[in-house]
Each structure stands twice: as C-alpha cells, then as structure tokens.
C-alpha cells in the first residue's frame, strides 16, 4: 500500500521511477542505473533497507539515498543515516515532503 501511494505521488510530480519488490532487487537496480534519488523503504524483505544502504555505500554508490520509513523511535533517524542514507523521511509522508526532497 505504501509503495502505491509513493508511486501515486511520484506520478503526480511527473517523475520517472522504478519500483523494486525487495531489498535485493533495490540493490541490483541501483548498481545498474544512475538515479537522482533512491527512496529506500527500511523494512523490506530479502535485504532490509539498512543492509541495502550499507552495501550500496560499500560498493561505491554515491547517489542520494533517502530513508522512507515508519521507524520513528528514538535513534531510528540516526540509525538510517549511519547505514548510509543521506536523508530521513518519516511515514506517512506527503507529496510536499517528496517535492522538497526532490528539490534538494
């Protein structure tokens, strides 16, 4: 459901975007394509977003990665950034939140 909402917002913002079903697919897509932004769900099957972000950075990925997560406990933001994310976007986020992120 959250992925469909994100895609709805991204469509309304006229962006080109891909969607990966799991963390492994996210990693594979990122290593094959140049993205302006990866909107990283931190709770994915196969590999979670923390593992994907860390593995991307270990493999030299320098693109922007934003954690898009429902993890909002104390320390979660810092944990996302420490894993290799550049930004932390807390769910539920709005179209304006995405617009602001895309304009950075």
Protein backbone atom coordinates (compact mmCIF):
# COMPACT_ATOMS: atom_id res chain seq x y z
CA UNK A 1 0.00 0.00 0.00
CA UNK A 2 2.74 2.49 0.92
CA UNK A 3 4.58 1.78 -2.34
CA UNK A 4 1.43 2.50 -4.33
CA UNK A 5 0.95 5.79 -2.51
CA UNK A 6 4.55 6.79 -3.17
CA UNK A 7 4.15 5.91 -6.84
CA UNK A 8 0.92 7.92 -6.98
CA UNK A 9 2.73 10.98 -5.61
CA UNK A 10 5.72 10.46 -7.89
CA UNK A 11 3.41 10.13 -10.92
CA UNK A 12 1.71 13.40 -9.97
CA UNK A 13 5.15 15.02 -9.78
CA UNK A 14 5.91 13.76 -13.32
CA UNK A 15 8.96 11.76 -12.29
CA UNK A 16 10.42 8.71 -13.97
CA UNK A 17 10.74 5.99 -11.37
CA UNK A 18 11.32 2.31 -10.84
CA UNK A 19 9.93 0.11 -8.10
CA UNK A 20 11.73 -2.83 -6.53
CA UNK A 21 9.84 -5.56 -4.68
CA UNK A 22 12.60 -6.29 -2.18
CA UNK A 23 15.96 -5.14 -0.95
CA UNK A 24 17.99 -7.36 -3.24
CA UNK A 25 16.15 -6.00 -6.28
CA UNK A 26 16.72 -2.46 -4.98
CA UNK A 27 20.44 -3.09 -4.71
CA UNK A 28 20.61 -4.63 -8.19
CA UNK A 29 18.70 -1.74 -9.80
CA UNK A 30 20.88 0.85 -8.06
CA UNK A 31 24.07 -0.81 -9.22
CA UNK A 32 22.84 -0.88 -12.84
CA UNK A 33 21.21 2.57 -13.11
CA UNK A 34 22.00 6.16 -12.24
CA UNK A 35 19.22 7.57 -10.07
CA UNK A 36 18.75 11.12 -8.84
CA UNK A 37 17.23 9.68 -5.68
CA UNK A 38 16.56 6.31 -4.09
CA UNK A 39 13.54 6.39 -1.80
CA UNK A 40 14.53 3.50 0.45
CA UNK A 41 11.97 1.61 2.49
CA UNK A 42 13.90 0.43 5.51
CA UNK A 43 11.63 -2.56 6.15
CA UNK A 44 11.86 -4.74 3.02
CA UNK A 45 12.05 -8.49 2.53
CA UNK A 46 15.21 -10.35 1.46
CA UNK A 47 17.51 -7.44 2.47
CA UNK A 48 16.26 -4.62 4.66
CA UNK A 49 16.97 -1.00 3.80
CA UNK A 50 19.78 -0.76 6.33
CA UNK A 51 21.63 -3.63 4.66
CA UNK A 52 20.94 -2.26 1.17
CA UNK A 53 22.17 1.26 2.04
CA UNK A 54 25.30 -0.09 3.68
CA UNK A 55 26.02 -2.46 0.79
CA UNK A 56 25.46 0.32 -1.77
CA UNK A 57 27.99 2.55 0.00
CA UNK A 58 30.47 -0.31 0.34
CA UNK A 59 30.20 -0.81 -3.42
CA UNK A 60 30.90 2.83 -4.19
CA UNK A 61 27.37 4.08 -4.77
CA UNK A 62 27.46 7.87 -4.38
CA UNK A 63 23.86 8.76 -5.31
CA UNK A 64 21.35 10.20 -2.90
CA UNK A 65 19.51 7.73 -0.68
CA UNK A 66 16.57 8.80 1.47
CA UNK A 67 15.24 6.50 4.17
CA UNK A 68 11.44 6.37 3.81
CA UNK A 69 10.34 4.64 6.95
CA UNK A 70 7.75 4.14 9.63
CA UNK A 71 10.59 3.64 12.12
CA UNK A 72 10.20 6.66 14.38
CA UNK A 73 11.59 5.57 17.72
CA UNK A 74 14.44 7.50 19.33
CA UNK A 75 17.63 6.67 17.45
CA UNK A 76 15.94 5.41 14.26
CA UNK A 77 16.87 8.52 12.26
CA UNK A 78 20.49 8.24 13.35
CA UNK A 79 20.50 4.52 12.55
CA UNK A 80 19.24 5.22 8.99
CA UNK A 81 21.89 7.88 8.44
CA UNK A 82 24.63 5.66 9.88
CA UNK A 83 23.66 2.88 7.45
CA UNK A 84 24.38 5.21 4.53
CA UNK A 85 21.18 7.17 3.92
CA UNK A 86 21.52 10.86 3.23
CA UNK A 87 18.05 11.85 4.41
CA UNK A 88 15.34 10.53 6.69
CA UNK A 89 11.72 10.75 5.57
CA UNK A 90 9.18 9.61 8.10
CA UNK A 91 6.00 7.84 7.01
CA UNK A 92 3.36 8.84 6.34
CA UNK A 93 4.89 11.46 4.09
CA UNK A 94 3.10 13.84 1.78
CA UNK A 95 3.53 14.90 -1.80
CA UNK A 96 5.04 18.13 -0.47
CA UNK A 97 7.60 16.10 1.51
CA UNK A 98 8.60 14.34 -1.72
CA UNK A 99 8.71 17.61 -3.63
CA UNK A 100 11.00 19.12 -1.01
CA UNK A 101 13.25 16.07 -1.15
CA UNK A 102 13.41 16.11 -4.95
CA UNK A 103 14.35 19.79 -4.95
CA UNK A 104 17.43 19.29 -2.76
